[in-house]
Amino acid sequence: MYYQVLSFNHHNCEQALRESMAFGNNQEKREFLNELVEFKFIHEAYVVSTCNRVEIVVATSDNFSSYHTTLGILAKKSNIDFYKLKSSGRRYDDEEAIVHIFSVVSSLDSLVIGESQITGQVKDAFRFSFENKTAGEKLSSVLSYALKCAAEVRNVTKISKNPISIASVAVAQAQKIYGENIIGMCGVVIGAGEMGLIAAKNLLRLGCDVLLVGRNLEKTEKIAEELGENVKAVSVENLTKYINRYRLVFSATSSSEPIIEPRMIENSNLDRVWFDMAIPKDIGDMGLEKLKLFRIDDLKNISNENHALKQEQAIRAKEIVLEYKDEYYKWLKIFSIEPVICTMRLQVTEAIEKELNRAIKKGFVPKEYEQNMRKMAEQMFNRFLHTPTKNLRESSIKTDESHKIDTVVNIFELDIDASQCKQNNKNKEKKK
């Protein structure tokens, strides 16, 4: 089994192309995942689709085939030329893929290093696929180690101390533009999701009032109430009125099309500062002379300074990622040898039962001694298998000795059945 990641992110793929690839809703994602795992060489998959990245993570038995299949399905879904996609994305295989996943979950590959949103987004992406039965234990083990790695990165480097998200970068830029005059201003925040909430909280911290615009007014009012008296919830139906009344706008919705268009502008002489934090974009091409419009990729450039400040911690964090990658592969190799050891022991158990029954049948062993004889035989074989088992486990983590495991499987003609081993282990636990 191999691992593979096909990544389109802010490092290697322009915003417009990422917008075209973004998954607009869960149904799109579900159909894409279902189509992927229909191919026998793709065992599991999940999709991370955020404002900064679209990534497809798969467990596969054929990296070459899974790469071209994933590209083909994605090209069909997004209506983008196959070769354009191929040249715009980055492919990671096996150890590179594990390093990339661990780096993403640890927020080392984010637009702003140390932001905490991505960890939850990857967990949600896996959970969605798990519930859809398109991801399971193969990718679950990767994510489990990735989360341990992310926790250590946070604890050792403090890289996520005072974490900065795209939304807080946007608010910081607004503060830079308006200075102390931002105090008392009203910021229109469109979208009551996580990005919108971060923007609202940061605006409140600066002494601004917030107009929270949402599609579901009841839900938006509840969120506004939790944020405090300086937040008012309004319906998106009145959006035109608010973007013409207030000059400071932050937009982060999941709309598949722009929600703010040039035709909605009533006063072109109003100085405006707008931040489009959505992919696909929420704000169309406006052509307004007195509008300062910042999109996702603009915010990326603004955040470069933050990257530089965290560079020293990032170097240590990357070392931790590599350590966890090695630990994961060590665990994976040990885990892969267990079915071999289990099958050996199952064959021993079958041999003991067969010979014991034959001995009782022929009268070599009295029936009343059966339990004692079985226990003695098991103890003898356990003692005999102790050293070979220990050596097999040690060989499993040494790359140059992996052939020994294949030799054992061939010599003993072991028919590995992982499910049978799992059931056997469960039976042992019940007996305890």
Protein backbone atom coordinates (compact mmCIF):
# COMPACT_ATOMS: atom_id res chain seq x y z
CA MET A 1 0.00 0.00 0.00
CA TYR A 2 1.17 3.52 -0.83
CA TYR A 3 0.12 7.07 0.06
CA GLN A 4 -0.35 9.93 -2.36
CA VAL A 5 -1.36 13.60 -2.18
CA LEU A 6 -2.35 15.74 -5.14
CA SER A 7 -2.07 19.35 -3.97
CA PHE A 8 -3.25 22.64 -5.45
CA ASN A 9 -2.47 25.39 -2.97
CA HIS A 10 -1.32 28.99 -2.60
CA HIS A 11 2.30 27.93 -3.24
CA ASN A 12 1.82 26.48 -6.71
CA CYS A 13 -1.64 27.34 -8.06
CA GLU A 14 -3.20 30.72 -8.80
CA GLN A 15 -6.38 31.75 -7.05
CA ALA A 16 -8.62 31.67 -10.13
CA LEU A 17 -7.74 28.04 -10.81
CA ARG A 18 -8.27 27.08 -7.17
CA GLU A 19 -11.70 28.72 -7.35
CA SER A 20 -12.63 26.54 -10.32
CA MET A 21 -11.57 23.39 -8.47
CA ALA A 22 -13.19 24.20 -5.12
CA PHE A 23 -16.00 21.90 -3.97
CA GLY A 24 -19.13 24.00 -3.59
CA ASN A 25 -21.08 21.56 -1.42
CA ASN A 26 -20.95 18.15 0.24
CA GLN A 27 -22.80 16.45 -2.59
CA GLU A 28 -20.06 17.41 -5.05
CA LYS A 29 -17.47 16.08 -2.64
CA ARG A 30 -19.40 12.86 -2.06
CA GLU A 31 -19.77 12.15 -5.78
CA PHE A 32 -16.07 12.83 -6.38
CA LEU A 33 -14.97 10.51 -3.55
CA ASN A 34 -17.36 7.75 -4.57
CA GLU A 35 -16.06 7.85 -8.12
CA LEU A 36 -12.45 7.72 -6.91
CA VAL A 37 -12.78 4.63 -4.72
CA GLU A 38 -14.64 2.73 -7.43
CA PHE A 39 -11.18 2.09 -8.89
CA LYS A 40 -9.76 -1.04 -7.26
CA PHE A 41 -6.29 0.47 -6.82
CA ILE A 42 -7.65 3.41 -4.75
CA HIS A 43 -8.52 2.00 -1.33
CA GLU A 44 -9.37 5.19 0.54
CA ALA A 45 -9.52 8.95 -0.10
CA TYR A 46 -10.47 12.26 1.43
CA VAL A 47 -10.59 15.83 0.06
CA VAL A 48 -9.46 19.03 1.76
CA SER A 49 -11.10 22.05 0.11
CA THR A 50 -10.43 25.41 1.75
CA CYS A 51 -9.84 28.99 0.62
CA ASN A 52 -6.11 28.25 0.26
CA ARG A 53 -5.98 24.70 -1.02
CA VAL A 54 -7.64 21.80 -2.75
CA GLU A 55 -5.91 18.53 -1.87
CA ILE A 56 -6.81 14.93 -2.57
CA VAL A 57 -5.27 12.37 -0.23
CA VAL A 58 -5.42 8.67 -1.16
CA ALA A 59 -4.25 5.28 0.05
CA THR A 60 -3.46 3.33 -3.10
CA SER A 61 -1.82 0.19 -4.45
CA ASP A 62 -0.68 1.96 -7.64
CA ASN A 63 0.67 5.51 -7.44
CA PHE A 64 0.92 5.98 -11.22
CA SER A 65 -2.67 4.94 -11.89
CA SER A 66 -4.15 6.80 -8.92
CA TYR A 67 -2.37 10.04 -9.92
CA HIS A 68 -3.75 10.05 -13.47
CA THR A 69 -7.18 8.83 -12.37
CA THR A 70 -7.49 11.57 -9.74
CA LEU A 71 -6.38 14.22 -12.23
CA GLY A 72 -8.86 12.93 -14.80
CA ILE A 73 -11.85 12.96 -12.45
CA LEU A 74 -10.88 16.39 -11.09
CA ALA A 75 -10.51 17.76 -14.64
CA LYS A 76 -13.98 16.47 -15.52
CA LYS A 77 -15.51 17.83 -12.31
CA SER A 78 -13.97 21.32 -12.64
CA ASN A 79 -14.09 21.52 -16.45
CA ILE A 80 -10.35 22.35 -16.56
CA ASP A 81 -7.96 20.92 -19.12
CA PHE A 82 -6.19 17.80 -17.82
CA TYR A 83 -2.71 19.04 -18.74
CA LYS A 84 -3.33 22.46 -17.21
CA LEU A 85 -4.22 20.74 -13.96
CA LYS A 86 -1.19 18.50 -14.21
CA SER A 87 1.16 21.47 -14.59
CA SER A 88 -0.53 23.47 -11.79
CA GLY A 89 -0.58 20.90 -9.02
CA ARG A 90 2.07 19.15 -6.97
CA ARG A 91 2.22 15.39 -6.50
CA TYR A 92 3.56 13.81 -3.31
CA ASP A 93 4.16 10.06 -3.04
CA ASP A 94 4.71 7.83 0.01
CA GLU A 95 7.17 9.39 2.49
CA GLU A 96 6.87 12.78 0.76
CA ALA A 97 3.09 12.48 1.07
CA ILE A 98 3.31 11.70 4.80
CA VAL A 99 5.67 14.65 5.38
CA HIS A 100 3.29 16.91 3.45
CA ILE A 101 0.21 15.75 5.41
CA PHE A 102 2.01 16.18 8.74
CA SER A 103 3.21 19.66 7.65
CA VAL A 104 -0.29 20.72 6.58
CA VAL A 105 -1.93 19.53 9.82
CA SER A 106 0.86 21.21 11.83
CA SER A 107 0.13 24.47 9.94
CA LEU A 108 3.61 24.68 8.43
CA ASP A 109 2.22 24.78 4.89
CA SER A 110 -0.46 27.38 5.62
CA LEU A 111 -0.71 30.83 4.14
CA VAL A 112 0.09 32.09 7.62
CA ILE A 113 2.35 29.71 9.54
CA GLY A 114 0.86 28.69 12.87
CA GLU A 115 -2.80 29.42 12.12
CA SER A 116 -4.99 26.84 13.81
CA GLN A 117 -7.90 26.53 11.38
CA ILE A 118 -6.30 23.97 9.07
CA THR A 119 -6.05 21.24 11.73
CA GLY A 120 -9.81 21.26 12.21
CA GLN A 121 -10.44 21.51 8.48
CA VAL A 122 -8.40 18.36 7.77
CA LYS A 123 -10.14 16.51 10.62
CA ASP A 124 -13.52 17.53 9.19
CA ALA A 125 -12.44 16.43 5.70
CA PHE A 126 -11.45 12.99 6.96
CA ARG A 127 -14.58 12.67 9.11
CA PHE A 128 -16.79 13.46 6.12
CA SER A 129 -15.07 10.79 4.03
CA PHE A 130 -15.12 8.27 6.89
CA GLU A 131 -18.87 8.73 7.33
CA ASN A 132 -19.21 8.39 3.56
CA LYS A 133 -17.28 5.08 3.80
CA THR A 134 -14.59 6.33 1.40
CA ALA A 135 -11.89 6.49 4.10
CA GLY A 136 -11.00 4.08 6.88
CA GLU A 137 -8.17 2.72 8.99
CA LYS A 138 -5.42 3.24 6.38
CA LEU A 139 -5.85 7.03 6.36
CA SER A 140 -7.06 7.13 9.96
CA SER A 141 -3.63 5.99 11.17
CA VAL A 142 -1.96 8.74 9.11
CA LEU A 143 -4.23 11.42 10.54
CA SER A 144 -3.73 10.10 14.06
CA TYR A 145 0.04 10.53 13.78
CA ALA A 146 -0.41 13.89 12.04
CA LEU A 147 -2.43 15.20 14.99
CA LYS A 148 0.22 13.97 17.46
CA CYS A 149 2.85 15.70 15.35
CA ALA A 150 0.85 18.94 15.28
CA ALA A 151 0.45 18.87 19.06
CA GLU A 152 4.20 18.49 19.57
CA VAL A 153 4.94 21.26 17.07
CA ARG A 154 2.64 23.58 19.02
CA ASN A 155 4.09 22.60 22.39
CA VAL A 156 7.78 22.68 21.46
CA THR A 157 7.96 25.65 19.10
CA LYS A 158 5.05 27.81 20.34
CA ILE A 159 4.53 28.50 16.64
CA SER A 160 0.76 28.72 17.17
CA LYS A 161 1.01 31.16 20.04
CA ASN A 162 -1.26 34.09 19.16
CA PRO A 163 -2.20 32.31 15.90
CA ILE A 164 -2.99 34.44 12.86
CA SER A 165 -5.61 33.44 10.31
CA ILE A 166 -6.42 35.03 6.96
CA ALA A 167 -9.29 36.86 8.65
CA SER A 168 -7.04 38.38 11.32
CA VAL A 169 -4.48 39.36 8.67
CA ALA A 170 -7.33 41.19 6.89
CA VAL A 171 -8.37 43.03 10.05
CA ALA A 172 -4.74 43.93 10.80
CA GLN A 173 -4.45 45.40 7.29
CA ALA A 174 -7.62 47.46 7.86
CA GLN A 175 -6.12 48.77 11.08
CA LYS A 176 -2.93 49.65 9.22
CA ILE A 177 -4.95 51.66 6.66
CA TYR A 178 -7.21 53.52 9.11
CA GLY A 179 -4.93 53.69 12.14
CA GLU A 180 -6.68 54.93 15.30
CA ASN A 181 -9.62 56.08 13.18
CA ILE A 182 -10.77 52.47 12.97
CA ILE A 183 -12.05 52.74 16.56
CA GLY A 184 -15.80 53.20 16.44
CA MET A 185 -16.11 52.23 12.76
CA CYS A 186 -18.65 49.61 11.72
CA GLY A 187 -17.31 46.58 9.86
CA VAL A 188 -19.70 44.61 7.67
CA VAL A 189 -18.86 40.92 8.02
CA ILE A 190 -20.59 38.74 5.44
CA GLY A 191 -20.74 35.07 6.43
CA ALA A 192 -21.17 33.63 9.92
CA GLY A 193 -18.73 30.77 9.46
CA GLU A 194 -15.37 30.35 11.19
CA MET A 195 -13.61 32.94 9.01
CA GLY A 196 -16.35 35.50 9.56
CA LEU A 197 -16.29 34.89 13.32
CA ILE A 198 -12.53 35.47 13.50
CA ALA A 199 -12.91 38.73 11.57
CA ALA A 200 -15.76 39.84 13.85
CA LYS A 201 -13.83 39.04 17.05
CA ASN A 202 -10.76 40.91 15.82
CA LEU A 203 -12.84 43.94 14.86
CA LEU A 204 -14.47 43.97 18.29
CA ARG A 205 -11.03 43.80 19.89
CA LEU A 206 -10.09 46.99 18.01
CA GLY A 207 -13.18 48.80 19.27
CA CYS A 208 -15.32 48.46 16.12
CA ASP A 209 -18.99 47.67 15.83
CA VAL A 210 -19.91 44.68 13.65
CA LEU A 211 -22.80 44.12 11.27
CA LEU A 212 -22.97 40.34 10.82
CA VAL A 213 -24.66 39.35 7.56
CA GLY A 214 -25.96 35.80 7.12
CA ARG A 215 -28.36 33.78 5.00
CA ASN A 216 -30.01 32.16 8.02
CA LEU A 217 -31.10 35.12 10.13
CA GLU A 218 -32.08 33.05 13.17
CA LYS A 219 -28.66 31.35 13.28
CA THR A 220 -26.87 34.67 12.64
CA GLU A 221 -28.79 36.38 15.46
CA LYS A 222 -27.78 33.63 17.87
CA ILE A 223 -24.10 34.05 16.93
CA ALA A 224 -24.37 37.85 17.21
CA GLU A 225 -25.88 37.52 20.68
CA GLU A 226 -22.95 35.34 21.78
CA LEU A 227 -20.45 37.91 20.44
CA GLY A 228 -21.97 40.75 22.46
CA GLU A 229 -23.99 43.94 22.25
CA ASN A 230 -21.72 45.59 19.66
CA VAL A 231 -22.75 43.01 17.03
CA LYS A 232 -25.98 43.22 15.08
CA ALA A 233 -27.28 40.41 12.88
CA VAL A 234 -28.91 41.26 9.54
CA SER A 235 -30.19 39.33 6.55
CA VAL A 236 -28.20 38.98 3.36
CA GLU A 237 -31.29 40.21 1.50
CA ASN A 238 -30.36 43.77 2.57
CA LEU A 239 -26.72 43.45 1.54
CA THR A 240 -26.92 46.21 -1.10
CA LYS A 241 -27.98 48.73 1.56
CA TYR A 242 -25.10 47.88 3.89
CA ILE A 243 -22.27 47.90 1.34
CA ASN A 244 -23.40 51.38 0.30
CA ARG A 245 -23.67 52.66 3.87
CA TYR A 246 -20.42 51.32 5.38
CA ARG A 247 -16.94 51.45 3.90
CA LEU A 248 -15.34 48.46 5.67
CA VAL A 249 -16.41 45.03 4.39
CA PHE A 250 -15.11 41.50 5.09
CA SER A 251 -16.66 38.68 3.08
CA ALA A 252 -16.23 34.92 3.63
CA THR A 253 -19.16 32.87 2.36
CA SER A 254 -19.39 29.49 0.62
CA SER A 255 -21.27 30.93 -2.37
CA SER A 256 -20.28 29.45 -5.72
CA GLU A 257 -20.74 32.86 -7.40
CA PRO A 258 -19.89 36.47 -6.43
CA ILE A 259 -22.47 37.95 -4.06
CA ILE A 260 -21.31 41.56 -4.61
CA GLU A 261 -21.45 42.88 -8.16
CA PRO A 262 -20.82 46.35 -9.74
CA ARG A 263 -24.56 46.85 -10.34
CA MET A 264 -25.12 46.97 -6.56
CA ILE A 265 -23.01 50.14 -6.10
CA GLU A 266 -25.07 53.31 -5.58
CA ASN A 267 -22.32 55.75 -4.57
CA SER A 268 -19.01 55.33 -6.39
CA ASN A 269 -17.46 58.30 -4.54
CA LEU A 270 -17.42 56.53 -1.16
CA ASP A 271 -13.96 55.45 -0.04
CA ARG A 272 -14.16 51.71 0.55
CA VAL A 273 -11.82 49.05 1.95
CA TRP A 274 -13.00 45.51 1.23
CA PHE A 275 -11.53 42.11 1.99
CA ASP A 276 -12.62 39.09 -0.05
CA MET A 277 -11.61 36.06 2.03
CA ALA A 278 -13.60 33.50 0.04
CA ILE A 279 -12.85 30.94 -2.65
CA PRO A 280 -14.60 31.09 -5.05
CA LYS A 281 -14.51 34.89 -4.73
CA ASP A 282 -17.45 36.71 -3.13
CA ILE A 283 -16.70 40.08 -4.74
CA GLY A 284 -16.76 40.47 -8.50
CA ASP A 285 -14.42 42.72 -10.49
CA MET A 286 -15.72 46.13 -9.43
CA GLY A 287 -13.74 48.75 -11.37
CA LEU A 288 -14.22 51.35 -8.60
CA GLU A 289 -11.53 54.00 -8.35
CA LYS A 290 -12.07 54.62 -4.63
CA LEU A 291 -12.14 50.95 -3.65
CA LYS A 292 -9.17 49.18 -2.02
CA LEU A 293 -9.94 45.49 -2.61
CA PHE A 294 -7.83 42.75 -1.03
CA ARG A 295 -8.27 39.15 -2.14
CA ILE A 296 -6.81 35.90 -0.75
CA ASP A 297 -3.56 36.14 -2.70
CA ASP A 298 -3.10 39.78 -1.65
CA LEU A 299 -3.41 38.71 1.97
CA LYS A 300 -0.78 36.06 1.30
CA ASN A 301 1.72 38.76 0.36
CA ILE A 302 0.83 40.78 3.46
CA SER A 303 1.49 37.73 5.63
CA ASN A 304 5.03 37.17 4.34
CA GLU A 305 6.36 39.24 7.21
CA ASN A 306 4.71 36.87 9.66
CA HIS A 307 6.38 33.94 7.94
CA ALA A 308 9.78 35.56 8.37
CA LEU A 309 9.18 36.17 12.07
CA LYS A 310 8.38 32.51 12.59
CA GLN A 311 11.13 31.10 10.40
CA GLU A 312 13.34 29.92 13.25
CA GLN A 313 10.47 28.06 14.92
CA ALA A 314 9.43 26.64 11.55
CA ILE A 315 12.86 25.04 11.06
CA ARG A 316 12.53 23.19 14.39
CA ALA A 317 8.94 22.32 13.54
CA LYS A 318 10.02 20.72 10.26
CA GLU A 319 12.54 18.62 12.17
CA ILE A 320 9.69 17.39 14.37
CA VAL A 321 7.66 16.53 11.26
CA LEU A 322 10.52 14.38 9.94
CA GLU A 323 10.88 12.66 13.32
CA TYR A 324 7.19 11.82 13.34
CA LYS A 325 7.37 10.59 9.75
CA ASP A 326 10.10 8.14 10.79
CA GLU A 327 8.06 7.10 13.83
CA TYR A 328 5.00 6.53 11.67
CA TYR A 329 6.84 4.32 9.20
CA LYS A 330 8.41 2.40 12.07
CA TRP A 331 4.93 1.81 13.50
CA LEU A 332 3.58 0.90 10.06
CA LYS A 333 6.26 -1.74 9.56
CA ILE A 334 5.70 -3.24 12.99
CA PHE A 335 1.95 -3.19 12.37
CA SER A 336 2.42 -4.98 9.03
CA ILE A 337 4.42 -7.83 10.65
CA GLU A 338 1.77 -8.60 13.25
CA PRO A 339 -0.55 -10.50 10.84
CA VAL A 340 2.47 -12.66 9.84
CA ILE A 341 3.26 -13.48 13.48
CA CYS A 342 -0.41 -14.02 14.26
CA THR A 343 -0.84 -16.41 11.30
CA MET A 344 2.23 -18.40 12.42
CA ARG A 345 0.72 -18.81 15.87
CA LEU A 346 -2.69 -19.73 14.47
CA GLN A 347 -1.04 -22.49 12.42
CA VAL A 348 0.73 -23.72 15.56
CA THR A 349 -2.62 -23.80 17.39
CA GLU A 350 -4.20 -25.77 14.56
CA ALA A 351 -1.27 -28.23 14.57
CA ILE A 352 -1.57 -28.73 18.35
CA GLU A 353 -5.32 -29.41 18.08
CA LYS A 354 -4.87 -31.80 15.17
CA GLU A 355 -2.12 -33.85 16.80
CA LEU A 356 -3.78 -33.83 20.22
CA ASN A 357 -7.05 -35.11 18.79
CA ARG A 358 -5.15 -37.82 16.87
CA ALA A 359 -3.26 -38.88 20.04
CA ILE A 360 -6.50 -39.09 22.07
CA LYS A 361 -8.27 -40.99 19.29
CA LYS A 362 -5.46 -43.57 19.09
CA GLY A 363 -5.29 -43.87 22.86
CA PHE A 364 -1.81 -42.39 23.23
CA VAL A 365 -3.19 -39.73 25.59
CA PRO A 366 -6.08 -40.28 28.02
CA LYS A 367 -9.02 -37.93 27.41
CA GLU A 368 -8.81 -36.55 30.97
CA TYR A 369 -5.25 -35.28 30.24
CA GLU A 370 -6.35 -33.29 27.19
CA GLN A 371 -6.32 -29.82 28.83
CA ASN A 372 -2.95 -30.37 30.51
CA MET A 373 -1.39 -31.68 27.29
CA ARG A 374 -2.76 -28.74 25.30
CA LYS A 375 -1.41 -26.26 27.82
CA MET A 376 2.01 -27.95 27.83
CA ALA A 377 2.18 -27.98 24.02
CA GLU A 378 1.21 -24.30 23.84
CA GLN A 379 3.87 -23.37 26.39
CA MET A 380 6.55 -25.31 24.50
CA PHE A 381 5.67 -23.64 21.21
CA ASN A 382 5.47 -20.19 22.82
CA ARG A 383 8.97 -20.66 24.20
CA PHE A 384 10.16 -21.92 20.81
CA LEU A 385 8.56 -19.00 18.90
CA HIS A 386 9.65 -16.27 21.32
CA THR A 387 13.06 -15.56 19.72
CA PRO A 388 11.87 -15.87 16.07
CA THR A 389 8.97 -13.51 16.86
CA LYS A 390 11.31 -10.98 18.44
CA ASN A 391 13.69 -11.20 15.44
CA LEU A 392 10.82 -10.79 12.97
CA ARG A 393 9.65 -7.60 14.71
CA GLU A 394 13.19 -6.21 14.65
CA SER A 395 13.63 -7.13 10.97
CA SER A 396 10.35 -5.41 10.08
CA ILE A 397 11.79 -1.97 10.91
CA LYS A 398 15.08 -2.53 9.06
CA THR A 399 14.75 -1.72 5.38
CA ASP A 400 17.62 -3.99 4.34
CA GLU A 401 16.10 -7.00 6.16
CA SER A 402 12.52 -6.77 4.92
CA HIS A 403 13.19 -9.74 2.60
CA LYS A 404 13.41 -12.00 5.66
CA ILE A 405 9.69 -11.56 6.28
CA ASP A 406 8.86 -12.65 2.72
CA THR A 407 11.11 -15.67 3.20
CA VAL A 408 9.29 -16.70 6.39
CA VAL A 409 5.90 -16.31 4.66
CA ASN A 410 7.08 -18.51 1.77
CA ILE A 411 8.81 -21.18 3.88
CA PHE A 412 5.84 -21.68 6.20
CA GLU A 413 3.32 -21.15 3.36
CA LEU A 414 1.44 -18.63 5.47
CA ASP A 415 -1.94 -17.55 4.16
CA ILE A 416 -2.23 -14.12 5.79
CA ASP A 417 -5.75 -13.23 6.86
CA ALA A 418 -5.72 -9.96 8.83
CA SER A 419 -9.43 -10.19 9.63
CA GLN A 420 -8.99 -13.65 11.15
CA CYS A 421 -6.15 -12.31 13.31
CA LYS A 422 -8.32 -9.42 14.49
CA GLN A 423 -11.09 -11.83 15.45
CA ASN A 424 -8.60 -14.06 17.24
CA ASN A 425 -7.33 -11.07 19.25
CA LYS A 426 -10.89 -10.10 20.16
CA ASN A 427 -11.58 -13.64 21.40
CA LYS A 428 -8.47 -13.51 23.57
CA GLU A 429 -9.61 -10.19 25.06
CA LYS A 430 -13.04 -11.66 25.89
CA LYS A 431 -11.41 -14.59 27.68
CA LYS A 432 -9.41 -12.18 29.81
